[in-house]
Amino acid sequence: MLNKYTHMKTLTVKGVHCGACEKLIKMELEDVGLDILVEKVEIDGEKKEGIFSVKETIGKGELEEMKSIINGMEGYSVE
């Protein structure tokens, strides 16, 4: 999803409610070398979602792989 306000590519991940969730997701992405594409993460504990801002240079294949990995994790989902 492209954030129209900052022009930064973001993934909204449902099920993220704390820093440990962020670390778990980053560890899964690290296993395939995709963690380096995450620039920052903002967590909204009340909504139980995390906004993962990714580098503008991310390719479509890398973005789809990232989504697939997150969707394969128990308790998390991203469109």
PDB file of N, CA and C in Angstrom:
ATOM      1  N   MET A   1       0.849  -1.156   0.000  1.00  0.00           N
ATOM      2  CA  MET A   1       0.000   0.000   0.000  1.00  0.00           C
ATOM      3  C   MET A   1       0.899   1.225   0.000  1.00  0.00           C
ATOM      4  N   LEU A   2       0.561   2.237  -0.721  1.00  0.00           N
ATOM      5  CA  LEU A   2       1.345   3.464  -0.785  1.00  0.00           C
ATOM      6  C   LEU A   2       0.656   4.510   0.079  1.00  0.00           C
ATOM      7  N   ASN A   3       1.370   5.015   1.062  1.00  0.00           N
ATOM      8  CA  ASN A   3       0.834   6.027   1.954  1.00  0.00           C
ATOM      9  C   ASN A   3       0.822   7.354   1.214  1.00  0.00           C
ATOM     10  N   LYS A   4      -0.363   7.918   0.967  1.00  0.00           N
ATOM     11  CA  LYS A   4      -0.470   9.120   0.144  1.00  0.00           C
ATOM     12  C   LYS A   4       0.068  10.370   0.833  1.00  0.00           C
ATOM     13  N   TYR A   5       0.255  10.323   2.139  1.00  0.00           N
ATOM     14  CA  TYR A   5       0.731  11.499   2.853  1.00  0.00           C
ATOM     15  C   TYR A   5       2.249  11.608   2.866  1.00  0.00           C
ATOM     16  N   THR A   6       2.945  10.500   2.975  1.00  0.00           N
ATOM     17  CA  THR A   6       4.404  10.558   3.054  1.00  0.00           C
ATOM     18  C   THR A   6       5.067  10.013   1.797  1.00  0.00           C
ATOM     19  N   HIS A   7       4.293   9.450   0.898  1.00  0.00           N
ATOM     20  CA  HIS A   7       4.808   8.838  -0.319  1.00  0.00           C
ATOM     21  C   HIS A   7       5.803   7.725  -0.001  1.00  0.00           C
ATOM     22  N   MET A   8       5.576   7.057   1.102  1.00  0.00           N
ATOM     23  CA  MET A   8       6.427   5.960   1.524  1.00  0.00           C
ATOM     24  C   MET A   8       5.612   4.669   1.411  1.00  0.00           C
ATOM     25  N   LYS A   9       6.244   3.606   0.956  1.00  0.00           N
ATOM     26  CA  LYS A   9       5.558   2.332   0.860  1.00  0.00           C
ATOM     27  C   LYS A   9       5.399   1.751   2.258  1.00  0.00           C
ATOM     28  N   THR A  10       4.194   1.285   2.563  1.00  0.00           N
ATOM     29  CA  THR A  10       3.944   0.709   3.873  1.00  0.00           C
ATOM     30  C   THR A  10       3.144  -0.580   3.759  1.00  0.00           C
ATOM     31  N   LEU A  11       3.323  -1.431   4.763  1.00  0.00           N
ATOM     32  CA  LEU A  11       2.512  -2.625   4.929  1.00  0.00           C
ATOM     33  C   LEU A  11       1.818  -2.505   6.275  1.00  0.00           C
ATOM     34  N   THR A  12       0.501  -2.652   6.291  1.00  0.00           N
ATOM     35  CA  THR A  12      -0.241  -2.644   7.544  1.00  0.00           C
ATOM     36  C   THR A  12      -0.437  -4.093   7.961  1.00  0.00           C
ATOM     37  N   VAL A  13       0.178  -4.456   9.076  1.00  0.00           N
ATOM     38  CA  VAL A  13       0.155  -5.835   9.550  1.00  0.00           C
ATOM     39  C   VAL A  13      -0.807  -5.932  10.726  1.00  0.00           C
ATOM     40  N   LYS A  14      -1.853  -6.717  10.558  1.00  0.00           N
ATOM     41  CA  LYS A  14      -2.842  -6.945  11.616  1.00  0.00           C
ATOM     42  C   LYS A  14      -2.274  -7.949  12.616  1.00  0.00           C
ATOM     43  N   GLY A  15      -2.608  -7.749  13.901  1.00  0.00           N
ATOM     44  CA  GLY A  15      -2.189  -8.671  14.943  1.00  0.00           C
ATOM     45  C   GLY A  15      -0.962  -8.212  15.712  1.00  0.00           C
ATOM     46  N   VAL A  16      -0.348  -7.123  15.286  1.00  0.00           N
ATOM     47  CA  VAL A  16       0.841  -6.588  15.965  1.00  0.00           C
ATOM     48  C   VAL A  16       0.372  -5.700  17.114  1.00  0.00           C
ATOM     49  N   HIS A  17       0.804  -6.033  18.345  1.00  0.00           N
ATOM     50  CA  HIS A  17       0.379  -5.219  19.475  1.00  0.00           C
ATOM     51  C   HIS A  17       1.527  -4.773  20.383  1.00  0.00           C
ATOM     52  N   CYS A  18       2.758  -5.232  20.081  1.00  0.00           N
ATOM     53  CA  CYS A  18       3.878  -4.848  20.939  1.00  0.00           C
ATOM     54  C   CYS A  18       5.212  -5.003  20.190  1.00  0.00           C
ATOM     55  N   GLY A  19       6.276  -4.589  20.865  1.00  0.00           N
ATOM     56  CA  GLY A  19       7.605  -4.680  20.285  1.00  0.00           C
ATOM     57  C   GLY A  19       8.050  -6.107  20.008  1.00  0.00           C
ATOM     58  N   ALA A  20       7.573  -7.052  20.828  1.00  0.00           N
ATOM     59  CA  ALA A  20       7.940  -8.455  20.604  1.00  0.00           C
ATOM     60  C   ALA A  20       7.370  -8.959  19.279  1.00  0.00           C
ATOM     61  N   CYS A  21       6.171  -8.513  18.931  1.00  0.00           N
ATOM     62  CA  CYS A  21       5.563  -8.884  17.649  1.00  0.00           C
ATOM     63  C   CYS A  21       6.438  -8.382  16.505  1.00  0.00           C
ATOM     64  N   GLU A  22       6.866  -7.142  16.623  1.00  0.00           N
ATOM     65  CA  GLU A  22       7.741  -6.542  15.611  1.00  0.00           C
ATOM     66  C   GLU A  22       9.007  -7.376  15.450  1.00  0.00           C
ATOM     67  N   LYS A  23       9.618  -7.751  16.569  1.00  0.00           N
ATOM     68  CA  LYS A  23      10.860  -8.526  16.528  1.00  0.00           C
ATOM     69  C   LYS A  23      10.647  -9.894  15.892  1.00  0.00           C
ATOM     70  N   LEU A  24       9.528 -10.554  16.212  1.00  0.00           N
ATOM     71  CA  LEU A  24       9.232 -11.865  15.620  1.00  0.00           C
ATOM     72  C   LEU A  24       9.125 -11.767  14.100  1.00  0.00           C
ATOM     73  N   ILE A  25       8.414 -10.763  13.639  1.00  0.00           N
ATOM     74  CA  ILE A  25       8.237 -10.579  12.197  1.00  0.00           C
ATOM     75  C   ILE A  25       9.578 -10.269  11.533  1.00  0.00           C
ATOM     76  N   LYS A  26      10.354  -9.392  12.145  1.00  0.00           N
ATOM     77  CA  LYS A  26      11.659  -9.048  11.580  1.00  0.00           C
ATOM     78  C   LYS A  26      12.584 -10.263  11.537  1.00  0.00           C
ATOM     79  N   MET A  27      12.503 -11.143  12.551  1.00  0.00           N
ATOM     80  CA  MET A  27      13.332 -12.350  12.546  1.00  0.00           C
ATOM     81  C   MET A  27      12.967 -13.261  11.382  1.00  0.00           C
ATOM     82  N   GLU A  28      11.676 -13.386  11.099  1.00  0.00           N
ATOM     83  CA  GLU A  28      11.232 -14.206   9.962  1.00  0.00           C
ATOM     84  C   GLU A  28      11.716 -13.602   8.648  1.00  0.00           C
ATOM     85  N   LEU A  29      11.640 -12.291   8.539  1.00  0.00           N
ATOM     86  CA  LEU A  29      12.099 -11.614   7.329  1.00  0.00           C
ATOM     87  C   LEU A  29      13.617 -11.711   7.196  1.00  0.00           C
ATOM     88  N   GLU A  30      14.309 -11.690   8.321  1.00  0.00           N
ATOM     89  CA  GLU A  30      15.777 -11.793   8.322  1.00  0.00           C
ATOM     90  C   GLU A  30      16.235 -13.135   7.759  1.00  0.00           C
ATOM     91  N   ASP A  31      15.467 -14.187   8.017  1.00  0.00           N
ATOM     92  CA  ASP A  31      15.824 -15.525   7.528  1.00  0.00           C
ATOM     93  C   ASP A  31      15.992 -15.570   6.011  1.00  0.00           C
ATOM     94  N   VAL A  32      15.293 -14.684   5.300  1.00  0.00           N
ATOM     95  CA  VAL A  32      15.392 -14.658   3.838  1.00  0.00           C
ATOM     96  C   VAL A  32      16.016 -13.350   3.326  1.00  0.00           C
ATOM     97  N   GLY A  33      16.570 -12.553   4.249  1.00  0.00           N
ATOM     98  CA  GLY A  33      17.268 -11.333   3.860  1.00  0.00           C
ATOM     99  C   GLY A  33      16.389 -10.148   3.536  1.00  0.00           C
ATOM    100  N   LEU A  34      15.116 -10.192   3.922  1.00  0.00           N
ATOM    101  CA  LEU A  34      14.212  -9.085   3.608  1.00  0.00           C
ATOM    102  C   LEU A  34      14.115  -8.043   4.725  1.00  0.00           C
ATOM    103  N   ASP A  35      14.677  -8.337   5.882  1.00  0.00           N
ATOM    104  CA  ASP A  35      14.618  -7.405   7.008  1.00  0.00           C
ATOM    105  C   ASP A  35      15.298  -6.070   6.695  1.00  0.00           C
ATOM    106  N   ILE A  36      16.280  -6.098   5.823  1.00  0.00           N
ATOM    107  CA  ILE A  36      17.010  -4.870   5.484  1.00  0.00           C
ATOM    108  C   ILE A  36      16.152  -3.880   4.685  1.00  0.00           C
ATOM    109  N   LEU A  37      15.009  -4.335   4.201  1.00  0.00           N
ATOM    110  CA  LEU A  37      14.118  -3.459   3.443  1.00  0.00           C
ATOM    111  C   LEU A  37      13.141  -2.698   4.330  1.00  0.00           C
ATOM    112  N   VAL A  38      13.080  -3.050   5.623  1.00  0.00           N
ATOM    113  CA  VAL A  38      12.189  -2.371   6.564  1.00  0.00           C
ATOM    114  C   VAL A  38      12.922  -1.166   7.133  1.00  0.00           C
ATOM    115  N   GLU A  39      12.344   0.027   6.935  1.00  0.00           N
ATOM    116  CA  GLU A  39      12.980   1.248   7.428  1.00  0.00           C
ATOM    117  C   GLU A  39      12.537   1.591   8.843  1.00  0.00           C
ATOM    118  N   LYS A  40      11.244   1.450   9.133  1.00  0.00           N
ATOM    119  CA  LYS A  40      10.758   1.717  10.480  1.00  0.00           C
ATOM    120  C   LYS A  40       9.411   1.028  10.672  1.00  0.00           C
ATOM    121  N   VAL A  41       9.044   0.887  11.940  1.00  0.00           N
ATOM    122  CA  VAL A  41       7.780   0.253  12.296  1.00  0.00           C
ATOM    123  C   VAL A  41       7.085   1.106  13.347  1.00  0.00           C
ATOM    124  N   GLU A  42       5.807   1.362  13.119  1.00  0.00           N
ATOM    125  CA  GLU A  42       4.980   2.069  14.096  1.00  0.00           C
ATOM    126  C   GLU A  42       3.904   1.101  14.551  1.00  0.00           C
ATOM    127  N   ILE A  43       3.763   0.951  15.869  1.00  0.00           N
ATOM    128  CA  ILE A  43       2.803   0.001  16.427  1.00  0.00           C
ATOM    129  C   ILE A  43       1.656   0.753  17.079  1.00  0.00           C
ATOM    130  N   ASP A  44       0.443   0.353  16.734  1.00  0.00           N
ATOM    131  CA  ASP A  44      -0.758   0.878  17.370  1.00  0.00           C
ATOM    132  C   ASP A  44      -1.358  -0.274  18.175  1.00  0.00           C
ATOM    133  N   GLY A  45      -1.035  -0.317  19.469  1.00  0.00           N
ATOM    134  CA  GLY A  45      -1.479  -1.403  20.334  1.00  0.00           C
ATOM    135  C   GLY A  45      -2.983  -1.509  20.460  1.00  0.00           C
ATOM    136  N   GLU A  46      -3.669  -0.382  20.421  1.00  0.00           N
ATOM    137  CA  GLU A  46      -5.135  -0.405  20.536  1.00  0.00           C
ATOM    138  C   GLU A  46      -5.789  -1.033  19.312  1.00  0.00           C
ATOM    139  N   LYS A  47      -5.283  -0.702  18.141  1.00  0.00           N
ATOM    140  CA  LYS A  47      -5.822  -1.269  16.902  1.00  0.00           C
ATOM    141  C   LYS A  47      -5.248  -2.646  16.604  1.00  0.00           C
ATOM    142  N   LYS A  48      -4.183  -3.010  17.327  1.00  0.00           N
ATOM    143  CA  LYS A  48      -3.459  -4.263  17.108  1.00  0.00           C
ATOM    144  C   LYS A  48      -2.968  -4.373  15.670  1.00  0.00           C
ATOM    145  N   GLU A  49      -2.240  -3.327  15.255  1.00  0.00           N
ATOM    146  CA  GLU A  49      -1.628  -3.362  13.939  1.00  0.00           C
ATOM    147  C   GLU A  49      -0.320  -2.595  13.942  1.00  0.00           C
ATOM    148  N   GLY A  50       0.548  -3.012  13.058  1.00  0.00           N
ATOM    149  CA  GLY A  50       1.833  -2.348  12.897  1.00  0.00           C
ATOM    150  C   GLY A  50       1.964  -1.841  11.478  1.00  0.00           C
ATOM    151  N   ILE A  51       2.503  -0.655  11.345  1.00  0.00           N
ATOM    152  CA  ILE A  51       2.745  -0.070  10.034  1.00  0.00           C
ATOM    153  C   ILE A  51       4.237  -0.237   9.747  1.00  0.00           C
ATOM    154  N   PHE A  52       4.554  -1.106   8.797  1.00  0.00           N
ATOM    155  CA  PHE A  52       5.932  -1.372   8.407  1.00  0.00           C
ATOM    156  C   PHE A  52       6.249  -0.518   7.186  1.00  0.00           C
ATOM    157  N   SER A  53       7.115   0.466   7.363  1.00  0.00           N
ATOM    158  CA  SER A  53       7.556   1.308   6.252  1.00  0.00           C
ATOM    159  C   SER A  53       8.751   0.625   5.601  1.00  0.00           C
ATOM    160  N   VAL A  54       8.668   0.443   4.290  1.00  0.00           N
ATOM    161  CA  VAL A  54       9.728  -0.258   3.564  1.00  0.00           C
ATOM    162  C   VAL A  54      10.395   0.690   2.572  1.00  0.00           C
ATOM    163  N   LYS A  55      11.603   0.335   2.193  1.00  0.00           N
ATOM    164  CA  LYS A  55      12.377   1.171   1.274  1.00  0.00           C
ATOM    165  C   LYS A  55      11.653   1.332  -0.056  1.00  0.00           C
ATOM    166  N   GLU A  56      11.753   2.512  -0.615  1.00  0.00           N
ATOM    167  CA  GLU A  56      11.129   2.816  -1.904  1.00  0.00           C
ATOM    168  C   GLU A  56      11.643   1.914  -3.018  1.00  0.00           C
ATOM    169  N   THR A  57      12.849   1.388  -2.855  1.00  0.00           N
ATOM    170  CA  THR A  57      13.470   0.582  -3.903  1.00  0.00           C
ATOM    171  C   THR A  57      13.036  -0.884  -3.885  1.00  0.00           C
ATOM    172  N   ILE A  58      12.131  -1.244  -2.980  1.00  0.00           N
ATOM    173  CA  ILE A  58      11.680  -2.631  -2.886  1.00  0.00           C
ATOM    174  C   ILE A  58      11.010  -3.047  -4.202  1.00  0.00           C
ATOM    175  N   GLY A  59      11.335  -4.228  -4.659  1.00  0.00           N
ATOM    176  CA  GLY A  59      10.730  -4.745  -5.880  1.00  0.00           C
ATOM    177  C   GLY A  59       9.388  -5.411  -5.594  1.00  0.00           C
ATOM    178  N   LYS A  60       8.575  -5.542  -6.605  1.00  0.00           N
ATOM    179  CA  LYS A  60       7.253  -6.166  -6.440  1.00  0.00           C
ATOM    180  C   LYS A  60       7.392  -7.596  -5.912  1.00  0.00           C
ATOM    181  N   GLY A  61       8.358  -8.345  -6.413  1.00  0.00           N
ATOM    182  CA  GLY A  61       8.572  -9.716  -5.961  1.00  0.00           C
ATOM    183  C   GLY A  61       8.960  -9.776  -4.495  1.00  0.00           C
ATOM    184  N   GLU A  62       9.821  -8.862  -4.087  1.00  0.00           N
ATOM    185  CA  GLU A  62      10.248  -8.807  -2.682  1.00  0.00           C
ATOM    186  C   GLU A  62       9.073  -8.439  -1.780  1.00  0.00           C
ATOM    187  N   LEU A  63       8.257  -7.497  -2.237  1.00  0.00           N
ATOM    188  CA  LEU A  63       7.091  -7.081  -1.463  1.00  0.00           C
ATOM    189  C   LEU A  63       6.099  -8.240  -1.303  1.00  0.00           C
ATOM    190  N   GLU A  64       5.865  -8.967  -2.387  1.00  0.00           N
ATOM    191  CA  GLU A  64       4.953 -10.112  -2.331  1.00  0.00           C
ATOM    192  C   GLU A  64       5.508 -11.224  -1.440  1.00  0.00           C
ATOM    193  N   GLU A  65       6.819 -11.436  -1.487  1.00  0.00           N
ATOM    194  CA  GLU A  65       7.441 -12.447  -0.624  1.00  0.00           C
ATOM    195  C   GLU A  65       7.308 -12.049   0.844  1.00  0.00           C
ATOM    196  N   MET A  66       7.491 -10.762   1.122  1.00  0.00           N
ATOM    197  CA  MET A  66       7.352 -10.252   2.482  1.00  0.00           C
ATOM    198  C   MET A  66       5.926 -10.485   2.987  1.00  0.00           C
ATOM    199  N   LYS A  67       4.943 -10.177   2.157  1.00  0.00           N
ATOM    200  CA  LYS A  67       3.539 -10.396   2.519  1.00  0.00           C
ATOM    201  C   LYS A  67       3.269 -11.871   2.774  1.00  0.00           C
ATOM    202  N   SER A  68       3.790 -12.720   1.927  1.00  0.00           N
ATOM    203  CA  SER A  68       3.584 -14.159   2.052  1.00  0.00           C
ATOM    204  C   SER A  68       4.157 -14.686   3.367  1.00  0.00           C
ATOM    205  N   ILE A  69       5.338 -14.222   3.727  1.00  0.00           N
ATOM    206  CA  ILE A  69       5.972 -14.648   4.972  1.00  0.00           C
ATOM    207  C   ILE A  69       5.133 -14.215   6.171  1.00  0.00           C
ATOM    208  N   ILE A  70       4.708 -12.962   6.179  1.00  0.00           N
ATOM    209  CA  ILE A  70       3.918 -12.454   7.301  1.00  0.00           C
ATOM    210  C   ILE A  70       2.581 -13.180   7.385  1.00  0.00           C
ATOM    211  N   ASN A  71       1.929 -13.397   6.261  1.00  0.00           N
ATOM    212  CA  ASN A  71       0.644 -14.098   6.263  1.00  0.00           C
ATOM    213  C   ASN A  71       0.796 -15.560   6.697  1.00  0.00           C
ATOM    214  N   GLY A  72       1.971 -16.120   6.545  1.00  0.00           N
ATOM    215  CA  GLY A  72       2.230 -17.495   6.955  1.00  0.00           C
ATOM    216  C   GLY A  72       2.496 -17.647   8.444  1.00  0.00           C
ATOM    217  N   MET A  73       2.650 -16.523   9.116  1.00  0.00           N
ATOM    218  CA  MET A  73       2.902 -16.551  10.559  1.00  0.00           C
ATOM    219  C   MET A  73       1.571 -16.567  11.314  1.00  0.00           C
ATOM    220  N   GLU A  74       1.535 -17.345  12.361  1.00  0.00           N
ATOM    221  CA  GLU A  74       0.305 -17.457  13.152  1.00  0.00           C
ATOM    222  C   GLU A  74       0.010 -16.134  13.865  1.00  0.00           C
ATOM    223  N   GLY A  75      -1.200 -15.635  13.667  1.00  0.00           N
ATOM    224  CA  GLY A  75      -1.662 -14.437  14.364  1.00  0.00           C
ATOM    225  C   GLY A  75      -1.455 -13.129  13.629  1.00  0.00           C
ATOM    226  N   TYR A  76      -0.793 -13.165  12.456  1.00  0.00           N
ATOM    227  CA  TYR A  76      -0.527 -11.923  11.722  1.00  0.00           C
ATOM    228  C   TYR A  76      -1.056 -12.036  10.291  1.00  0.00           C
ATOM    229  N   SER A  77      -1.471 -10.896   9.760  1.00  0.00           N
ATOM    230  CA  SER A  77      -1.927 -10.874   8.374  1.00  0.00           C
ATOM    231  C   SER A  77      -1.689  -9.506   7.761  1.00  0.00           C
ATOM    232  N   VAL A  78      -1.504  -9.514   6.457  1.00  0.00           N
ATOM    233  CA  VAL A  78      -1.290  -8.289   5.700  1.00  0.00           C
ATOM    234  C   VAL A  78      -1.905  -8.480   4.319  1.00  0.00           C
ATOM    235  N   GLU A  79      -2.466  -7.416   3.756  1.00  0.00           N
ATOM    236  CA  GLU A  79      -3.061  -7.512   2.420  1.00  0.00           C
ATOM    237  C   GLU A  79      -2.069  -7.095   1.363  1.00  0.00           C
TER     238      GLU A  79
END
